[in-house]
N, C-alpha and C. Protein backbone atom coordinates (compact mmCIF):
# COMPACT_ATOMS: atom_id res chain seq x y z
N MET A 1 16.30 67.40 18.88
CA MET A 1 17.59 66.86 18.43
C MET A 1 17.66 66.91 16.92
N ASN A 2 18.77 67.36 16.41
CA ASN A 2 18.92 67.35 14.96
C ASN A 2 19.72 66.13 14.55
N ALA A 3 19.87 65.92 13.25
CA ALA A 3 20.52 64.73 12.72
C ALA A 3 22.00 64.65 13.10
N GLN A 4 22.61 65.79 13.37
CA GLN A 4 24.03 65.78 13.70
C GLN A 4 24.30 65.18 15.08
N ASP A 5 23.33 65.21 15.97
CA ASP A 5 23.52 64.70 17.33
C ASP A 5 23.36 63.19 17.43
N THR A 6 22.97 62.51 16.35
CA THR A 6 22.71 61.07 16.42
C THR A 6 23.95 60.22 16.17
N THR A 7 25.09 60.84 15.90
CA THR A 7 26.30 60.05 15.68
C THR A 7 26.78 59.46 16.99
N ALA A 8 27.29 58.28 16.90
CA ALA A 8 27.78 57.59 18.09
C ALA A 8 29.14 58.16 18.49
N PRO A 9 29.45 58.19 19.77
CA PRO A 9 30.76 58.66 20.19
C PRO A 9 31.83 57.67 19.73
N PRO A 10 33.07 58.13 19.56
CA PRO A 10 34.13 57.21 19.14
C PRO A 10 34.33 56.12 20.19
N PRO A 11 34.73 54.93 19.76
CA PRO A 11 34.91 53.84 20.72
C PRO A 11 36.02 54.19 21.71
N ALA A 12 35.82 53.78 22.95
CA ALA A 12 36.81 54.04 23.99
C ALA A 12 38.05 53.19 23.74
N THR A 13 39.20 53.79 23.94
CA THR A 13 40.45 53.05 23.81
C THR A 13 41.03 52.84 25.19
N HIS A 14 41.92 51.91 25.26
CA HIS A 14 42.59 51.63 26.52
C HIS A 14 43.43 52.83 26.93
N PRO A 15 43.43 53.21 28.22
CA PRO A 15 44.15 54.42 28.63
C PRO A 15 45.66 54.36 28.39
N MET A 16 46.25 53.19 28.36
CA MET A 16 47.70 53.08 28.17
C MET A 16 48.09 52.71 26.74
N GLN A 17 47.11 52.60 25.86
CA GLN A 17 47.36 52.18 24.48
C GLN A 17 48.39 53.08 23.79
N SER A 18 48.21 54.38 23.87
CA SER A 18 49.12 55.28 23.18
C SER A 18 50.51 55.27 23.82
N HIS A 19 50.59 55.12 25.14
CA HIS A 19 51.89 55.06 25.80
C HIS A 19 52.68 53.83 25.36
N VAL A 20 52.00 52.71 25.22
CA VAL A 20 52.69 51.48 24.79
C VAL A 20 53.18 51.63 23.35
N THR A 21 52.37 52.25 22.51
CA THR A 21 52.78 52.46 21.12
C THR A 21 53.98 53.40 21.04
N ILE A 22 53.95 54.49 21.80
CA ILE A 22 55.07 55.43 21.85
C ILE A 22 56.31 54.73 22.38
N LEU A 23 56.15 53.95 23.43
CA LEU A 23 57.27 53.23 24.02
C LEU A 23 57.89 52.25 23.02
N ALA A 24 57.05 51.55 22.28
CA ALA A 24 57.55 50.62 21.26
C ALA A 24 58.36 51.38 20.20
N ALA A 25 57.83 52.51 19.75
CA ALA A 25 58.54 53.31 18.74
C ALA A 25 59.86 53.82 19.29
N LEU A 26 59.88 54.24 20.56
CA LEU A 26 61.13 54.72 21.17
C LEU A 26 62.18 53.61 21.25
N HIS A 27 61.76 52.42 21.64
CA HIS A 27 62.72 51.31 21.72
C HIS A 27 63.23 50.91 20.34
N ILE A 28 62.35 50.90 19.36
CA ILE A 28 62.78 50.59 18.00
C ILE A 28 63.75 51.66 17.50
N GLY A 29 63.40 52.92 17.71
CA GLY A 29 64.26 54.01 17.27
C GLY A 29 65.60 54.04 17.99
N PHE A 30 65.59 53.85 19.31
CA PHE A 30 66.81 53.85 20.10
C PHE A 30 67.73 52.70 19.66
N SER A 31 67.15 51.54 19.46
CA SER A 31 67.94 50.38 19.02
C SER A 31 68.48 50.58 17.61
N THR A 32 67.70 51.20 16.74
CA THR A 32 68.16 51.47 15.39
C THR A 32 69.34 52.44 15.40
N LEU A 33 69.27 53.47 16.24
CA LEU A 33 70.39 54.40 16.35
C LEU A 33 71.65 53.71 16.86
N ILE A 34 71.48 52.81 17.81
CA ILE A 34 72.63 52.07 18.33
C ILE A 34 73.21 51.17 17.23
N LEU A 35 72.34 50.55 16.43
CA LEU A 35 72.83 49.73 15.31
C LEU A 35 73.60 50.57 14.30
N LEU A 36 73.13 51.78 14.05
CA LEU A 36 73.88 52.67 13.16
C LEU A 36 75.24 53.01 13.76
N GLY A 37 75.27 53.19 15.07
CA GLY A 37 76.55 53.43 15.75
C GLY A 37 77.50 52.26 15.59
N ALA A 38 76.96 51.05 15.64
CA ALA A 38 77.80 49.86 15.45
C ALA A 38 78.39 49.85 14.05
N PHE A 39 77.58 50.19 13.06
CA PHE A 39 78.07 50.22 11.69
C PHE A 39 79.18 51.26 11.54
N PHE A 40 78.96 52.45 12.09
CA PHE A 40 79.96 53.50 11.96
C PHE A 40 81.22 53.19 12.76
N ALA A 41 81.09 52.51 13.87
CA ALA A 41 82.29 52.11 14.63
C ALA A 41 83.13 51.14 13.80
N PHE A 42 82.47 50.16 13.21
CA PHE A 42 83.21 49.21 12.37
C PHE A 42 83.83 49.91 11.17
N ALA A 43 83.01 50.70 10.47
CA ALA A 43 83.50 51.37 9.26
C ALA A 43 84.64 52.34 9.59
N GLY A 44 84.51 53.07 10.68
CA GLY A 44 85.55 54.02 11.06
C GLY A 44 86.86 53.34 11.41
N LEU A 45 86.79 52.27 12.17
CA LEU A 45 88.02 51.56 12.54
C LEU A 45 88.64 50.88 11.32
N ALA A 46 87.81 50.27 10.49
CA ALA A 46 88.36 49.61 9.30
C ALA A 46 88.95 50.64 8.34
N LEU A 47 88.28 51.76 8.17
CA LEU A 47 88.79 52.80 7.29
C LEU A 47 90.09 53.39 7.82
N GLY A 48 90.14 53.58 9.14
CA GLY A 48 91.38 54.08 9.74
C GLY A 48 92.55 53.14 9.49
N GLY A 49 92.29 51.85 9.62
CA GLY A 49 93.34 50.87 9.35
C GLY A 49 93.73 50.85 7.88
N ALA A 50 92.74 51.01 7.00
CA ALA A 50 93.04 51.01 5.57
C ALA A 50 93.86 52.23 5.17
N LEU A 51 93.57 53.36 5.80
CA LEU A 51 94.30 54.59 5.48
C LEU A 51 95.75 54.54 5.97
N SER A 52 96.02 53.68 6.93
CA SER A 52 97.39 53.58 7.43
C SER A 52 98.32 52.97 6.37
N GLY A 53 97.77 52.18 5.47
CA GLY A 53 98.56 51.57 4.42
C GLY A 53 99.25 50.28 4.85
N ASP A 54 99.12 49.91 6.09
CA ASP A 54 99.75 48.70 6.61
C ASP A 54 98.70 47.60 6.70
N LEU A 55 98.96 46.48 6.06
CA LEU A 55 97.99 45.38 6.04
C LEU A 55 97.72 44.83 7.44
N ALA A 56 98.75 44.73 8.26
CA ALA A 56 98.58 44.22 9.63
C ALA A 56 97.71 45.16 10.46
N THR A 57 97.95 46.46 10.30
CA THR A 57 97.14 47.45 11.03
C THR A 57 95.69 47.40 10.56
N PHE A 58 95.50 47.27 9.26
CA PHE A 58 94.15 47.16 8.73
C PHE A 58 93.44 45.94 9.30
N GLY A 59 94.12 44.81 9.34
CA GLY A 59 93.52 43.59 9.88
C GLY A 59 93.18 43.74 11.35
N ALA A 60 94.08 44.37 12.10
CA ALA A 60 93.84 44.54 13.54
C ALA A 60 92.66 45.49 13.80
N THR A 61 92.65 46.63 13.12
CA THR A 61 91.56 47.59 13.37
C THR A 61 90.23 47.06 12.84
N ALA A 62 90.23 46.35 11.73
CA ALA A 62 88.99 45.75 11.22
C ALA A 62 88.49 44.69 12.19
N GLY A 63 89.40 43.92 12.77
CA GLY A 63 89.00 42.90 13.75
C GLY A 63 88.42 43.52 15.00
N VAL A 64 89.08 44.58 15.49
CA VAL A 64 88.54 45.28 16.67
C VAL A 64 87.20 45.90 16.34
N GLY A 65 87.08 46.50 15.16
CA GLY A 65 85.82 47.09 14.74
C GLY A 65 84.71 46.06 14.63
N ALA A 66 85.03 44.89 14.11
CA ALA A 66 84.04 43.82 14.00
C ALA A 66 83.61 43.33 15.38
N PHE A 67 84.55 43.23 16.31
CA PHE A 67 84.22 42.80 17.67
C PHE A 67 83.31 43.82 18.34
N ILE A 68 83.64 45.10 18.23
CA ILE A 68 82.83 46.15 18.83
C ILE A 68 81.44 46.18 18.20
N ALA A 69 81.38 46.07 16.88
CA ALA A 69 80.10 46.08 16.18
C ALA A 69 79.24 44.87 16.59
N ALA A 70 79.85 43.71 16.73
CA ALA A 70 79.11 42.52 17.15
C ALA A 70 78.58 42.68 18.58
N PHE A 71 79.39 43.27 19.44
CA PHE A 71 78.96 43.50 20.83
C PHE A 71 77.79 44.47 20.87
N ILE A 72 77.89 45.56 20.12
CA ILE A 72 76.81 46.55 20.08
C ILE A 72 75.56 45.93 19.46
N LEU A 73 75.72 45.12 18.44
CA LEU A 73 74.60 44.43 17.81
C LEU A 73 73.90 43.53 18.83
N LEU A 74 74.68 42.81 19.62
CA LEU A 74 74.13 41.93 20.65
C LEU A 74 73.33 42.71 21.68
N ILE A 75 73.75 43.92 21.97
CA ILE A 75 73.06 44.75 22.96
C ILE A 75 71.79 45.36 22.39
N SER A 76 71.80 45.76 21.12
CA SER A 76 70.68 46.52 20.57
C SER A 76 69.55 45.67 20.00
N VAL A 77 69.84 44.47 19.58
CA VAL A 77 68.80 43.63 18.95
C VAL A 77 67.64 43.31 19.91
N PRO A 78 67.87 43.03 21.20
CA PRO A 78 66.72 42.77 22.07
C PRO A 78 65.74 43.95 22.15
N GLY A 79 66.25 45.19 22.12
CA GLY A 79 65.37 46.35 22.14
C GLY A 79 64.54 46.45 20.87
N LEU A 80 65.15 46.12 19.75
CA LEU A 80 64.44 46.13 18.48
C LEU A 80 63.34 45.07 18.46
N ILE A 81 63.70 43.87 18.88
CA ILE A 81 62.72 42.77 18.93
C ILE A 81 61.62 43.08 19.94
N GLY A 82 62.00 43.60 21.10
CA GLY A 82 61.02 43.94 22.13
C GLY A 82 60.07 45.03 21.67
N GLY A 83 60.59 46.05 20.98
CA GLY A 83 59.73 47.11 20.47
C GLY A 83 58.71 46.60 19.47
N ILE A 84 59.15 45.71 18.59
CA ILE A 84 58.22 45.12 17.62
C ILE A 84 57.18 44.26 18.34
N GLY A 85 57.63 43.52 19.36
CA GLY A 85 56.69 42.72 20.15
C GLY A 85 55.68 43.58 20.89
N LEU A 86 56.11 44.75 21.39
CA LEU A 86 55.17 45.65 22.05
C LEU A 86 54.10 46.14 21.08
N LEU A 87 54.51 46.44 19.87
CA LEU A 87 53.53 46.88 18.87
C LEU A 87 52.47 45.81 18.62
N LYS A 88 52.87 44.54 18.74
CA LYS A 88 51.94 43.42 18.54
C LYS A 88 51.27 43.00 19.84
N ARG A 89 51.56 43.72 20.93
CA ARG A 89 50.97 43.48 22.25
C ARG A 89 51.24 42.07 22.76
N LYS A 90 52.47 41.63 22.64
CA LYS A 90 52.88 40.31 23.13
C LYS A 90 53.35 40.43 24.59
N GLU A 91 52.90 39.54 25.42
CA GLU A 91 53.26 39.57 26.85
C GLU A 91 54.76 39.40 27.04
N TRP A 92 55.40 38.52 26.27
CA TRP A 92 56.84 38.32 26.41
C TRP A 92 57.61 39.60 26.11
N ALA A 93 57.08 40.42 25.19
CA ALA A 93 57.74 41.68 24.86
C ALA A 93 57.64 42.66 26.02
N ARG A 94 56.52 42.65 26.72
CA ARG A 94 56.37 43.53 27.89
C ARG A 94 57.42 43.19 28.94
N ILE A 95 57.64 41.91 29.20
CA ILE A 95 58.64 41.49 30.18
C ILE A 95 60.05 41.84 29.68
N LEU A 96 60.35 41.54 28.42
CA LEU A 96 61.66 41.83 27.85
C LEU A 96 61.98 43.32 27.92
N VAL A 97 61.05 44.15 27.48
CA VAL A 97 61.30 45.59 27.46
C VAL A 97 61.36 46.16 28.87
N LEU A 98 60.62 45.59 29.79
CA LEU A 98 60.71 46.03 31.19
C LEU A 98 62.11 45.75 31.74
N VAL A 99 62.65 44.57 31.47
CA VAL A 99 64.03 44.25 31.89
C VAL A 99 65.01 45.21 31.22
N LEU A 100 64.83 45.45 29.93
CA LEU A 100 65.70 46.39 29.22
C LEU A 100 65.58 47.79 29.79
N GLY A 101 64.39 48.15 30.25
CA GLY A 101 64.19 49.47 30.86
C GLY A 101 65.04 49.64 32.10
N PHE A 102 65.10 48.60 32.93
CA PHE A 102 65.94 48.66 34.13
C PHE A 102 67.42 48.75 33.75
N ILE A 103 67.82 48.01 32.73
CA ILE A 103 69.22 48.05 32.29
C ILE A 103 69.55 49.42 31.69
N ASN A 104 68.60 50.00 30.95
CA ASN A 104 68.83 51.31 30.33
C ASN A 104 69.03 52.43 31.33
N LEU A 105 68.60 52.23 32.56
CA LEU A 105 68.75 53.30 33.55
C LEU A 105 70.20 53.74 33.73
N ILE A 106 71.15 52.85 33.49
CA ILE A 106 72.56 53.22 33.67
C ILE A 106 73.15 53.92 32.45
N ASN A 107 72.39 53.99 31.35
CA ASN A 107 72.87 54.62 30.12
C ASN A 107 72.47 56.10 30.12
N ILE A 108 73.26 56.91 30.80
CA ILE A 108 72.95 58.33 31.00
C ILE A 108 73.25 59.09 29.72
N PRO A 109 72.46 60.05 29.30
CA PRO A 109 71.19 60.53 29.84
C PRO A 109 69.98 59.92 29.14
N PHE A 110 70.12 59.54 27.86
CA PHE A 110 68.95 59.11 27.10
C PHE A 110 68.40 57.77 27.57
N GLY A 111 69.29 56.85 27.89
CA GLY A 111 68.84 55.55 28.39
C GLY A 111 68.12 55.68 29.72
N THR A 112 68.56 56.61 30.55
CA THR A 112 67.90 56.83 31.84
C THR A 112 66.47 57.31 31.63
N ILE A 113 66.31 58.25 30.72
CA ILE A 113 64.97 58.77 30.42
C ILE A 113 64.09 57.66 29.83
N LEU A 114 64.64 56.93 28.87
CA LEU A 114 63.89 55.84 28.25
C LEU A 114 63.57 54.75 29.27
N GLY A 115 64.54 54.43 30.13
CA GLY A 115 64.31 53.41 31.16
C GLY A 115 63.23 53.81 32.14
N ALA A 116 63.25 55.07 32.57
CA ALA A 116 62.23 55.54 33.53
C ALA A 116 60.84 55.51 32.88
N TYR A 117 60.75 55.96 31.64
CA TYR A 117 59.46 55.94 30.94
C TYR A 117 58.99 54.50 30.72
N THR A 118 59.93 53.62 30.38
CA THR A 118 59.60 52.21 30.17
C THR A 118 59.01 51.60 31.44
N ILE A 119 59.68 51.84 32.55
CA ILE A 119 59.22 51.28 33.83
C ILE A 119 57.85 51.85 34.18
N TRP A 120 57.70 53.18 34.01
CA TRP A 120 56.43 53.81 34.35
C TRP A 120 55.28 53.23 33.53
N VAL A 121 55.51 53.03 32.22
CA VAL A 121 54.44 52.53 31.36
C VAL A 121 54.14 51.06 31.64
N LEU A 122 55.17 50.24 31.72
CA LEU A 122 54.95 48.79 31.74
C LEU A 122 54.65 48.22 33.11
N ILE A 123 54.89 48.97 34.17
CA ILE A 123 54.65 48.43 35.51
C ILE A 123 53.20 48.67 35.97
N LYS A 124 52.49 49.52 35.26
CA LYS A 124 51.11 49.84 35.65
C LYS A 124 50.18 48.65 35.43
N PRO A 125 49.27 48.43 36.36
CA PRO A 125 48.31 47.32 36.19
C PRO A 125 47.45 47.48 34.92
N GLU A 126 47.16 48.74 34.54
CA GLU A 126 46.37 48.97 33.33
C GLU A 126 47.09 48.44 32.09
N THR A 127 48.42 48.57 32.11
CA THR A 127 49.20 48.08 30.97
C THR A 127 49.22 46.56 30.97
N ALA A 128 49.35 45.96 32.14
CA ALA A 128 49.31 44.50 32.22
C ALA A 128 47.98 43.97 31.68
N ASP A 129 46.89 44.70 31.97
CA ASP A 129 45.58 44.30 31.44
C ASP A 129 45.55 44.37 29.92
N LEU A 130 46.25 45.34 29.36
CA LEU A 130 46.30 45.49 27.91
C LEU A 130 46.97 44.29 27.25
N PHE A 131 47.93 43.70 27.95
CA PHE A 131 48.65 42.56 27.41
C PHE A 131 48.06 41.21 27.83
N ALA A 132 47.01 41.24 28.65
CA ALA A 132 46.42 40.00 29.14
C ALA A 132 45.86 39.20 27.98
N ARG A 133 46.07 37.93 28.05
CA ARG A 133 45.56 37.04 26.99
C ARG A 133 44.04 36.96 27.10
N PRO A 134 43.36 36.90 25.97
CA PRO A 134 41.90 36.74 26.02
C PRO A 134 41.57 35.37 26.62
N ALA A 135 40.46 35.36 27.32
CA ALA A 135 40.03 34.10 27.95
C ALA A 135 39.69 33.06 26.88
N ALA A 136 40.05 31.84 27.18
CA ALA A 136 39.75 30.75 26.24
C ALA A 136 38.24 30.51 26.24
N PRO A 137 37.68 30.14 25.09
CA PRO A 137 36.24 29.87 25.04
C PRO A 137 35.88 28.64 25.90
N ALA A 138 34.71 28.68 26.48
CA ALA A 138 34.25 27.59 27.31
C ALA A 138 33.99 26.36 26.44
N PRO A 139 34.32 25.17 26.98
CA PRO A 139 34.06 23.96 26.19
C PRO A 139 32.56 23.77 25.98
N ALA A 140 32.20 23.20 24.84
CA ALA A 140 30.79 23.02 24.49
C ALA A 140 30.19 21.83 25.14
């Protein structure tokens, strides 16, 4: 044996570790894109109203834009929070993102793909083990 063979093998990682990290990044990215859509919906409607030159029209379109943006914000924030929680391996985030995965199935085509991948990753027992809380130390 030469000196090069004495190095230790890299530590084993959990088999679902990379899938959970990818899933978290996808949920954060998907939610961020939806938030950008909310901003552009508000800005587009408000700008359209402003270009009309009528103050009443501007107020109405800005109000509708604000309502749509608030609704989209309400929908996208749980995915953003859940993705961050997945990165930190929080059990509540696994449950939240799993629920969001089922809801995303109706958002064709990208939400369906994300929802199917979410369900596949988070429903596996190996993934549940990854999120399992460490055992409490025995009393002295």
